Amino acid sequence: MSFTIGFYCILQKYSRIRVFDIKIYKPLFPSFIMKCIILCAGFGTRLYPLTLDKPKALLEIGNKAMLDCIISKIEPIDEIKDVFIVSNDKFYMQFVWWLKNYAGKKNIEIINDGISTNETRLGGIGDLFLAIKGKNMDDDILVIAGDNLFEFELNAFIDFFNEKKGIAVALYDVKSLDEAKKFGVVALDSSFKIIDFEEKPESPKSALISTACYIFRKEDLQGIKDYMKTGNNKDGPGFLIKHFYPLKDVYGFVFSEPWFDIGSIEQYNAVREMYGRKDTG
């Protein structure tokens, strides 16, 4: 996109006036500010005993923690300066120590949600609300679960969000209806707008599932605050998608790069072995 500015310049040597046209180029999507929230306050009960004394996000995959894998995806994004990691009270100090060894360029803050047991957890939406309210956020926000391993580039996801100008969620085809039963299953129209969402359905209509990677506009933040006043499920942000899609435009960013849900020790060991081979060449 470009436009032309004309201006007059007096050249004293020749004592006459000439007109110059300068073409100014504007980026397709003007610069903006986005915050990032990484949800790491779960207790990882499905991975016991591995997560009895260590948070799931700090378990190693290959030669680095899962959280480091996520941060490495965020580092290249110039629009994101501030990253907030939400932890429970039990593992808070482990994240503080992790941060002491962080050598990247983002401003990272660890938020303690004050919860010490799985039975009293706030849930993913509760922790998201805690960060938004506690830090007085008024920007678009990228939300990622701390155990979400993915290979797609976040810049492509953000470009999609800017193009669609609505809530965006990253979607992946798991290729199996049985596997899809474990997740939120999505249907899209031709514009990639979500027209149906079912959380862990008994009979999935497709294998296209919602991953724990979302972008909300700043004008959607009040809707998240309002959701907290309802009696609806606060466990995972996927319930926000189920709540929002009939009310406003929610779009699905479909990616084909590898994605992993670490939901069991067997899955964790398989992914760790896979990334280990990748790191050693």
Protein backbone atom coordinates (compact mmCIF):
# COMPACT_ATOMS: atom_id res chain seq x y z
CA MET A 1 0.00 0.00 0.00
CA SER A 2 1.40 3.44 -0.88
CA PHE A 3 0.47 7.08 -1.32
CA THR A 4 2.20 10.10 -2.84
CA ILE A 5 3.16 13.36 -1.18
CA GLY A 6 3.98 16.38 -3.40
CA PHE A 7 6.04 19.30 -2.09
CA TYR A 8 7.85 22.35 -3.41
CA CYS A 9 11.59 22.87 -3.16
CA ILE A 10 13.34 26.11 -4.09
CA LEU A 11 16.70 25.52 -5.74
CA GLN A 12 18.66 28.67 -5.07
CA LYS A 13 21.31 27.92 -7.71
CA TYR A 14 18.81 27.96 -10.56
CA SER A 15 16.26 30.31 -8.90
CA ARG A 16 13.31 28.24 -9.92
CA ILE A 17 10.77 25.99 -8.33
CA ARG A 18 10.55 22.26 -8.89
CA VAL A 19 8.04 19.76 -7.63
CA PHE A 20 9.11 16.41 -6.24
CA ASP A 21 6.83 13.41 -5.67
CA ILE A 22 7.87 11.06 -2.91
CA LYS A 23 6.11 7.70 -2.60
CA ILE A 24 5.56 6.63 1.03
CA TYR A 25 5.03 2.92 1.68
CA LYS A 26 2.81 1.76 4.51
CA PRO A 27 2.87 -1.80 5.91
CA LEU A 28 -0.15 -3.96 5.19
CA PHE A 29 -0.80 -4.19 8.94
CA PRO A 30 0.35 -1.10 10.89
CA SER A 31 2.53 -1.68 13.96
CA PHE A 32 0.63 -2.57 17.10
CA ILE A 33 1.27 -3.79 20.61
CA MET A 34 0.29 -7.25 21.78
CA LYS A 35 0.72 -8.87 25.19
CA CYS A 36 1.35 -12.59 25.66
CA ILE A 37 0.02 -14.75 28.50
CA ILE A 38 1.36 -18.28 29.00
CA LEU A 39 -0.82 -20.43 31.24
CA CYS A 40 1.35 -22.66 33.47
CA ALA A 41 -0.73 -22.93 36.65
CA GLY A 42 -1.96 -26.49 36.17
CA PHE A 43 -0.78 -29.32 38.41
CA GLY A 44 -0.18 -31.88 35.64
CA THR A 45 -1.94 -34.70 37.46
CA ARG A 46 -2.04 -36.89 34.34
CA LEU A 47 1.75 -36.97 34.35
CA TYR A 48 2.21 -38.03 37.99
CA PRO A 49 4.73 -38.89 39.37
CA LEU A 50 6.81 -36.75 36.94
CA THR A 51 4.95 -33.59 37.91
CA LEU A 52 4.63 -34.15 41.65
CA ASP A 53 7.61 -31.89 42.27
CA LYS A 54 8.06 -30.16 38.91
CA PRO A 55 5.63 -28.16 36.75
CA LYS A 56 4.66 -29.68 33.43
CA ALA A 57 5.91 -26.65 31.48
CA LEU A 58 9.42 -27.13 32.87
CA LEU A 59 9.72 -30.80 31.92
CA GLU A 60 12.48 -31.24 29.36
CA ILE A 61 11.83 -31.94 25.70
CA GLY A 62 15.06 -32.67 23.86
CA ASN A 63 17.62 -30.43 25.52
CA LYS A 64 15.30 -27.71 26.87
CA ALA A 65 12.10 -27.21 28.84
CA MET A 66 8.72 -27.10 27.09
CA LEU A 67 8.44 -23.48 28.19
CA ASP A 68 11.70 -22.67 26.39
CA CYS A 69 10.23 -24.15 23.20
CA ILE A 70 7.28 -21.76 23.47
CA ILE A 71 9.44 -18.74 24.30
CA SER A 72 11.62 -19.45 21.26
CA LYS A 73 8.50 -19.07 19.10
CA ILE A 74 7.66 -15.72 20.73
CA GLU A 75 11.15 -14.19 20.54
CA PRO A 76 10.97 -13.14 16.83
CA ILE A 77 7.67 -11.27 17.25
CA ASP A 78 8.45 -7.56 17.47
CA GLU A 79 4.88 -6.63 18.45
CA ILE A 80 5.21 -8.56 21.71
CA LYS A 81 7.39 -6.90 24.33
CA ASP A 82 5.77 -8.24 27.52
CA VAL A 83 5.15 -11.88 28.40
CA PHE A 84 3.27 -12.95 31.54
CA ILE A 85 3.61 -16.51 32.82
CA VAL A 86 0.88 -17.58 35.26
CA SER A 87 1.99 -20.16 37.82
CA ASN A 88 0.34 -21.74 40.84
CA ASP A 89 1.82 -21.13 44.27
CA LYS A 90 3.29 -24.63 44.56
CA PHE A 91 5.63 -24.20 41.59
CA TYR A 92 6.03 -20.42 41.60
CA MET A 93 9.65 -20.39 42.78
CA GLN A 94 10.68 -22.90 40.11
CA PHE A 95 9.47 -20.48 37.45
CA VAL A 96 11.28 -17.64 39.21
CA TRP A 97 14.51 -19.64 39.04
CA TRP A 98 13.82 -20.47 35.39
CA LEU A 99 13.48 -16.74 34.69
CA LYS A 100 16.86 -16.01 36.30
CA ASN A 101 18.47 -18.06 33.52
CA TYR A 102 16.44 -16.47 30.72
CA ALA A 103 18.70 -14.58 28.31
CA GLY A 104 16.18 -13.42 25.69
CA LYS A 105 14.91 -9.95 24.82
CA LYS A 106 11.34 -10.05 26.15
CA ASN A 107 10.14 -8.55 29.42
CA ILE A 108 8.91 -11.61 31.30
CA GLU A 109 6.99 -11.57 34.58
CA ILE A 110 5.85 -14.54 36.65
CA ILE A 111 2.37 -14.21 38.18
CA ASN A 112 1.52 -16.33 41.25
CA ASP A 113 -2.19 -17.24 41.29
CA GLY A 114 -1.90 -18.17 44.99
CA ILE A 115 -3.27 -21.71 44.57
CA SER A 116 -1.44 -24.68 46.11
CA THR A 117 -3.72 -27.67 45.35
CA ASN A 118 -5.29 -29.10 42.21
CA GLU A 119 -8.69 -29.24 43.91
CA THR A 120 -8.79 -25.46 44.41
CA ARG A 121 -7.28 -24.45 41.01
CA LEU A 122 -8.69 -21.39 39.26
CA GLY A 123 -8.78 -23.08 35.86
CA GLY A 124 -7.27 -21.74 32.67
CA ILE A 125 -9.91 -19.03 32.23
CA GLY A 126 -9.60 -18.03 35.88
CA ASP A 127 -5.84 -17.64 35.51
CA LEU A 128 -6.29 -15.73 32.25
CA PHE A 129 -8.70 -13.35 33.98
CA LEU A 130 -6.27 -12.96 36.88
CA ALA A 131 -3.52 -11.79 34.52
CA ILE A 132 -5.78 -9.46 32.51
CA LYS A 133 -7.25 -7.81 35.59
CA GLY A 134 -4.11 -7.80 37.72
CA LYS A 135 -1.99 -6.17 35.02
CA ASN A 136 -4.73 -3.83 33.75
CA MET A 137 -4.32 -5.12 30.21
CA ASP A 138 -5.83 -3.12 27.38
CA ASP A 139 -4.14 -4.62 24.33
CA ASP A 140 -4.65 -7.60 22.07
CA ILE A 141 -3.43 -10.74 23.82
CA LEU A 142 -1.85 -13.95 22.61
CA VAL A 143 -2.70 -16.81 24.97
CA ILE A 144 -0.75 -20.08 24.96
CA ALA A 145 -0.93 -23.09 27.27
CA GLY A 146 2.44 -23.91 28.81
CA ASP A 147 2.35 -27.52 27.63
CA ASN A 148 1.46 -26.65 24.03
CA LEU A 149 4.20 -27.86 21.66
CA PHE A 150 3.82 -26.63 18.09
CA GLU A 151 6.00 -26.04 15.05
CA PHE A 152 4.00 -23.40 13.14
CA GLU A 153 5.25 -19.82 13.15
CA LEU A 154 3.37 -17.42 15.40
CA ASN A 155 3.92 -14.56 12.95
CA ALA A 156 1.67 -16.38 10.46
CA PHE A 157 -0.97 -16.79 13.18
CA ILE A 158 -0.80 -13.08 14.04
CA ASP A 159 -1.05 -12.09 10.36
CA PHE A 160 -4.18 -14.25 10.10
CA PHE A 161 -5.63 -12.53 13.19
CA ASN A 162 -4.93 -9.08 11.74
CA GLU A 163 -6.50 -10.03 8.42
CA LYS A 164 -9.67 -11.46 9.93
CA LYS A 165 -10.07 -8.79 12.64
CA GLY A 166 -11.71 -11.22 15.06
CA ILE A 167 -10.81 -13.72 17.78
CA ALA A 168 -8.46 -16.36 16.40
CA VAL A 169 -7.71 -19.89 17.53
CA ALA A 170 -5.09 -22.26 16.10
CA LEU A 171 -6.61 -25.49 14.73
CA TYR A 172 -5.06 -28.85 13.90
CA ASP A 173 -6.38 -31.91 12.08
CA VAL A 174 -5.62 -34.96 14.25
CA LYS A 175 -6.76 -37.28 11.42
CA SER A 176 -8.80 -39.46 13.77
CA LEU A 177 -12.34 -39.09 15.10
CA ASP A 178 -11.42 -41.18 18.15
CA GLU A 179 -8.52 -38.87 18.93
CA ALA A 180 -10.72 -35.82 18.37
CA LYS A 181 -12.97 -36.91 21.27
CA LYS A 182 -10.28 -35.67 23.68
CA PHE A 183 -10.43 -32.08 22.42
CA GLY A 184 -12.69 -29.23 21.35
CA VAL A 185 -13.90 -30.03 17.82
CA VAL A 186 -14.47 -27.19 15.35
CA ALA A 187 -16.38 -26.63 12.10
CA LEU A 188 -15.51 -23.74 9.76
CA ASP A 189 -17.21 -21.97 6.87
CA SER A 190 -15.42 -20.95 3.66
CA SER A 191 -14.00 -17.80 5.32
CA PHE A 192 -12.51 -19.86 8.20
CA LYS A 193 -15.13 -18.51 10.59
CA ILE A 194 -16.09 -20.96 13.33
CA ILE A 195 -19.71 -22.08 12.92
CA ASP A 196 -19.71 -24.95 15.41
CA PHE A 197 -17.71 -25.93 18.49
CA GLU A 198 -18.12 -28.99 20.70
CA GLU A 199 -15.94 -29.65 23.74
CA LYS A 200 -14.84 -33.33 23.88
CA PRO A 201 -17.86 -34.69 21.96
CA GLU A 202 -18.83 -38.35 22.08
CA SER A 203 -19.40 -38.32 18.31
CA PRO A 204 -17.10 -35.74 16.67
CA LYS A 205 -18.26 -34.31 13.35
CA SER A 206 -14.67 -33.82 12.20
CA ALA A 207 -11.07 -34.32 13.31
CA LEU A 208 -10.30 -30.58 13.27
CA ILE A 209 -9.54 -29.62 16.85
CA SER A 210 -8.80 -26.50 18.84
CA THR A 211 -5.28 -26.20 20.23
CA ALA A 212 -4.42 -24.13 23.27
CA CYS A 213 -3.27 -21.12 21.28
CA TYR A 214 -5.57 -18.09 20.99
CA ILE A 215 -5.55 -14.39 20.14
CA PHE A 216 -8.15 -12.08 21.67
CA ARG A 217 -8.69 -8.46 20.63
CA LYS A 218 -8.55 -5.83 23.32
CA GLU A 219 -12.27 -5.23 22.82
CA ASP A 220 -12.87 -8.89 23.76
CA LEU A 221 -11.29 -8.54 27.20
CA GLN A 222 -14.49 -7.17 28.74
CA GLY A 223 -16.27 -10.26 27.44
CA ILE A 224 -13.77 -12.45 29.29
CA LYS A 225 -14.39 -10.46 32.46
CA ASP A 226 -18.16 -10.87 31.98
CA TYR A 227 -17.73 -14.61 31.41
CA MET A 228 -16.14 -14.90 34.86
CA LYS A 229 -19.44 -13.73 36.37
CA THR A 230 -21.33 -16.67 34.85
CA GLY A 231 -21.59 -20.20 36.16
CA ASN A 232 -19.96 -21.58 33.02
CA ASN A 233 -16.90 -23.83 33.04
CA LYS A 234 -13.69 -21.91 33.85
CA ASP A 235 -11.28 -24.80 33.31
CA GLY A 236 -9.85 -24.23 29.82
CA PRO A 237 -9.86 -21.25 27.43
CA GLY A 238 -11.57 -23.48 24.87
CA PHE A 239 -14.79 -22.85 26.76
CA LEU A 240 -14.39 -19.17 25.87
CA ILE A 241 -14.41 -20.11 22.18
CA LYS A 242 -17.59 -22.13 22.73
CA HIS A 243 -19.12 -19.11 24.48
CA PHE A 244 -17.98 -16.46 21.99
CA TYR A 245 -18.50 -18.00 18.56
CA PRO A 246 -22.32 -17.56 18.49
CA LEU A 247 -21.92 -13.96 19.70
CA LYS A 248 -19.04 -12.56 17.66
CA ASP A 249 -16.65 -13.45 14.85
CA VAL A 250 -14.22 -16.20 15.83
CA TYR A 251 -11.85 -17.60 13.21
CA GLY A 252 -9.80 -20.77 12.93
CA PHE A 253 -6.17 -20.67 11.81
CA VAL A 254 -5.56 -24.14 10.36
CA PHE A 255 -1.94 -25.29 10.41
CA SER A 256 -0.34 -28.53 9.24
CA GLU A 257 3.01 -28.35 11.04
CA PRO A 258 3.60 -30.83 13.91
CA TRP A 259 1.69 -30.28 17.15
CA PHE A 260 1.73 -32.32 20.34
CA ASP A 261 -0.56 -32.57 23.34
CA ILE A 262 1.36 -33.93 26.31
CA GLY A 263 -1.47 -35.72 28.09
CA SER A 264 0.22 -38.84 29.45
CA ILE A 265 3.64 -40.15 30.45
CA GLU A 266 3.67 -42.31 27.32
CA GLN A 267 3.04 -39.27 25.10
CA TYR A 268 5.67 -37.26 26.95
CA ASN A 269 8.30 -39.97 26.53
CA ALA A 270 7.48 -40.35 22.83
CA VAL A 271 7.75 -36.61 22.17
CA ARG A 272 10.92 -36.33 24.26
CA GLU A 273 12.52 -39.10 22.20
CA MET A 274 11.41 -37.43 18.97
CA TYR A 275 12.82 -34.03 19.95
CA GLY A 276 15.97 -35.70 21.25
CA ARG A 277 16.61 -37.19 17.81
CA LYS A 278 15.88 -33.81 16.25
CA ASP A 279 18.38 -32.03 18.52
CA THR A 280 21.14 -34.56 17.83
CA GLY A 281 20.68 -34.27 14.10
